[in-house]
Amino acid sequence: MQPARTEPSEHDGQASTTYDVGMDVVPATTQDDAGAGSHAPTAARVRPSWVAPVVVGAAALGACAFVRVLDPVTESNPPFCPFKMMTGQDCPGCGATRSLNALLHGDLLVAADHNLLFVLALPIAVVAFVVWTARRLGVDAPSLPHLRRWLPVAVVAIALFWALRLLPWDPFTWLASGLT
């Protein structure tokens, strides 16, 4: 990676710093006389581009390990869903923890029985994470669609899944989380 470059700004004549792609700028704080940190404009620290993917990946692996150890299928570890507790109805995420647990045990059909939307969305999330990580590390990877393009589709898909899983007759009862 190339170091930061300082160039004069067109607006106010003062120098500004530009950084190459793949580096995050973290504002540095200064110590005043009382020892408290202030956010006065000072030199910025540059965070390596691999930090964010490592943090996100470690959090995902930690969550998977927690769900694997927790075993939310047993009676002593029921999943907690405030919406289900208040209404008695499934939310779109109901069953996702049990679904992840089933996937971690290699049982795709049980995972789909708990939350089909989660099982269908997980590969998309994994591919998005891999592409994002590759691009952050400077690997030439395809770009992902912009949020404005796919967010409405995702919202409609979640709302449709939620509405269908609340219907009380077959075949839609299969979409319910299975927890009463």
Protein backbone atom coordinates (compact mmCIF):
# COMPACT_ATOMS: atom_id res chain seq x y z
CA MET A 1 0.00 0.00 0.00
CA GLN A 2 1.14 3.49 -0.67
CA PRO A 3 1.42 5.99 2.17
CA ALA A 4 -0.95 8.90 2.63
CA ARG A 5 -0.45 11.96 0.45
CA THR A 6 -0.92 15.53 1.63
CA GLU A 7 -2.30 17.89 -0.99
CA PRO A 8 -3.51 21.48 -0.85
CA SER A 9 -7.28 21.78 -0.71
CA GLU A 10 -9.05 23.81 -3.38
CA HIS A 11 -11.61 25.20 -0.93
CA ASP A 12 -9.61 26.75 1.88
CA GLY A 13 -5.97 26.53 0.83
CA GLN A 14 -5.09 24.23 3.75
CA ALA A 15 -3.55 20.81 3.31
CA SER A 16 -5.77 17.73 3.33
CA THR A 17 -4.73 14.09 3.50
CA THR A 18 -5.91 11.44 1.05
CA TYR A 19 -5.52 7.71 1.55
CA ASP A 20 -5.39 4.84 -0.86
CA VAL A 21 -8.25 2.37 -1.18
CA GLY A 22 -8.23 -0.37 1.44
CA MET A 23 -7.26 1.82 4.38
CA ASP A 24 -9.57 3.19 7.06
CA VAL A 25 -8.88 6.57 8.59
CA VAL A 26 -9.37 6.69 12.33
CA PRO A 27 -9.43 10.16 13.91
CA ALA A 28 -6.68 10.56 16.43
CA THR A 29 -7.33 12.21 19.78
CA THR A 30 -5.02 14.56 21.60
CA GLN A 31 -4.41 14.92 25.31
CA ASP A 32 -5.15 18.32 26.79
CA ASP A 33 -3.61 19.63 30.02
CA ALA A 34 -6.23 17.90 32.15
CA GLY A 35 -5.48 14.54 30.50
CA ALA A 36 -8.89 14.22 28.88
CA GLY A 37 -8.99 13.26 25.22
CA SER A 38 -10.23 15.85 22.77
CA HIS A 39 -11.18 15.45 19.15
CA ALA A 40 -9.13 18.33 17.82
CA PRO A 41 -8.02 17.90 14.22
CA THR A 42 -4.68 16.13 14.37
CA ALA A 43 -2.86 13.49 12.41
CA ALA A 44 -5.00 10.43 11.70
CA ARG A 45 -4.08 6.81 12.30
CA VAL A 46 -4.55 4.44 9.40
CA ARG A 47 -6.23 1.09 10.11
CA PRO A 48 -5.18 -1.80 7.84
CA SER A 49 -7.89 -2.94 5.44
CA TRP A 50 -7.98 -6.49 6.83
CA VAL A 51 -9.16 -5.42 10.31
CA ALA A 52 -12.88 -5.04 9.52
CA PRO A 53 -13.23 -8.44 7.78
CA VAL A 54 -11.35 -10.14 10.62
CA VAL A 55 -13.60 -8.54 13.25
CA VAL A 56 -16.81 -9.41 11.37
CA GLY A 57 -15.59 -12.95 10.63
CA ALA A 58 -14.52 -13.51 14.24
CA ALA A 59 -17.90 -12.27 15.49
CA ALA A 60 -19.72 -14.62 13.10
CA LEU A 61 -17.56 -17.59 14.12
CA GLY A 62 -18.04 -16.72 17.79
CA ALA A 63 -21.82 -16.58 17.32
CA CYS A 64 -21.75 -19.95 15.55
CA ALA A 65 -19.68 -21.48 18.35
CA PHE A 66 -22.07 -20.04 20.95
CA VAL A 67 -25.13 -21.44 19.15
CA ARG A 68 -23.45 -24.83 18.74
CA VAL A 69 -22.65 -24.99 22.47
CA LEU A 70 -25.96 -23.44 23.57
CA ASP A 71 -28.09 -26.00 21.68
CA PRO A 72 -31.30 -23.95 21.47
CA VAL A 73 -33.34 -27.07 20.62
CA THR A 74 -33.32 -28.42 24.18
CA GLU A 75 -35.94 -27.31 26.68
CA SER A 76 -33.37 -25.72 29.00
CA ASN A 77 -32.24 -23.25 26.31
CA PRO A 78 -35.33 -21.96 24.52
CA PRO A 79 -34.78 -19.09 22.05
CA PHE A 80 -35.92 -15.69 23.24
CA CYS A 81 -38.20 -13.73 20.90
CA PRO A 82 -39.98 -10.69 22.38
CA PHE A 83 -42.48 -10.58 19.49
CA LYS A 84 -43.47 -14.22 19.99
CA MET A 85 -43.70 -13.73 23.76
CA MET A 86 -46.06 -10.76 23.34
CA THR A 87 -48.21 -11.98 20.45
CA GLY A 88 -47.82 -15.76 20.33
CA GLN A 89 -47.04 -15.42 16.59
CA ASP A 90 -43.77 -16.06 14.73
CA CYS A 91 -41.68 -13.12 13.56
CA PRO A 92 -39.55 -13.49 10.40
CA GLY A 93 -36.54 -14.41 12.54
CA CYS A 94 -38.24 -16.99 14.75
CA GLY A 95 -36.42 -20.28 14.42
CA ALA A 96 -33.22 -18.76 12.99
CA THR A 97 -31.13 -19.76 16.02
CA ARG A 98 -32.43 -23.34 15.90
CA SER A 99 -31.95 -23.31 12.13
CA LEU A 100 -28.31 -22.25 12.52
CA ASN A 101 -27.83 -24.97 15.14
CA ALA A 102 -29.23 -27.58 12.73
CA LEU A 103 -26.96 -26.32 9.94
CA LEU A 104 -23.95 -26.54 12.26
CA HIS A 105 -24.92 -30.16 12.90
CA GLY A 106 -25.25 -30.76 9.12
CA ASP A 107 -29.03 -31.21 9.00
CA LEU A 108 -30.32 -29.01 6.16
CA LEU A 109 -33.92 -30.27 6.25
CA VAL A 110 -34.34 -29.60 9.97
CA ALA A 111 -32.78 -26.17 9.47
CA ALA A 112 -35.25 -25.39 6.69
CA ASP A 113 -38.11 -26.59 8.91
CA HIS A 114 -37.14 -24.08 11.61
CA ASN A 115 -36.66 -21.05 9.31
CA LEU A 116 -36.63 -21.46 5.53
CA LEU A 117 -35.85 -17.77 4.91
CA PHE A 118 -32.70 -18.00 7.05
CA VAL A 119 -31.51 -21.10 5.17
CA LEU A 120 -32.07 -19.37 1.82
CA ALA A 121 -30.48 -16.07 2.89
CA LEU A 122 -27.40 -17.53 4.58
CA PRO A 123 -25.54 -18.47 1.36
CA ILE A 124 -26.20 -14.97 0.01
CA ALA A 125 -24.77 -13.45 3.19
CA VAL A 126 -21.69 -15.71 3.03
CA VAL A 127 -21.01 -14.83 -0.62
CA ALA A 128 -21.47 -11.11 0.15
CA PHE A 129 -18.99 -11.42 3.05
CA VAL A 130 -16.42 -13.22 0.88
CA VAL A 131 -16.71 -10.66 -1.93
CA TRP A 132 -16.53 -7.76 0.53
CA THR A 133 -13.46 -9.30 2.21
CA ALA A 134 -11.74 -9.91 -1.12
CA ARG A 135 -12.38 -6.35 -2.26
CA ARG A 136 -11.13 -4.97 1.08
CA LEU A 137 -7.92 -6.95 0.64
CA GLY A 138 -7.40 -5.61 -2.88
CA VAL A 139 -8.37 -8.77 -4.75
CA ASP A 140 -10.19 -8.13 -8.02
CA ALA A 141 -13.68 -9.44 -7.14
CA PRO A 142 -17.06 -8.69 -8.67
CA SER A 143 -18.88 -5.77 -7.15
CA LEU A 144 -22.06 -6.30 -5.18
CA PRO A 145 -25.33 -4.61 -6.15
CA HIS A 146 -25.92 -1.32 -4.42
CA LEU A 147 -28.11 -1.34 -1.32
CA ARG A 148 -30.78 0.79 -3.01
CA ARG A 149 -31.31 -1.90 -5.63
CA TRP A 150 -31.78 -4.99 -3.48
CA LEU A 151 -33.12 -3.57 -0.21
CA PRO A 152 -36.73 -3.25 -1.49
CA VAL A 153 -36.59 -6.83 -2.78
CA ALA A 154 -35.31 -8.06 0.59
CA VAL A 155 -38.00 -6.13 2.49
CA VAL A 156 -40.75 -7.56 0.26
CA ALA A 157 -39.33 -11.09 0.59
CA ILE A 158 -39.21 -10.83 4.40
CA ALA A 159 -42.73 -9.38 4.58
CA LEU A 160 -44.09 -12.09 2.25
CA PHE A 161 -42.35 -14.84 4.23
CA TRP A 162 -43.74 -13.39 7.48
CA ALA A 163 -47.29 -13.19 6.10
CA LEU A 164 -47.19 -16.71 4.66
CA ARG A 165 -45.78 -18.29 7.81
CA LEU A 166 -48.67 -16.84 9.84
CA LEU A 167 -51.34 -18.51 7.67
CA PRO A 168 -52.99 -21.32 9.69
CA TRP A 169 -53.48 -23.91 6.92
CA ASP A 170 -51.33 -26.29 4.90
CA PRO A 171 -48.88 -25.92 3.19
CA PHE A 172 -48.07 -22.63 4.96
CA THR A 173 -47.95 -24.16 8.45
CA TRP A 174 -44.67 -25.76 7.36
CA LEU A 175 -43.14 -22.24 7.32
CA ALA A 176 -43.83 -21.76 11.05
CA SER A 177 -40.85 -22.04 13.38
CA GLY A 178 -42.19 -25.16 15.09
CA LEU A 179 -41.98 -23.64 18.55
CA THR A 180 -45.31 -23.24 20.31
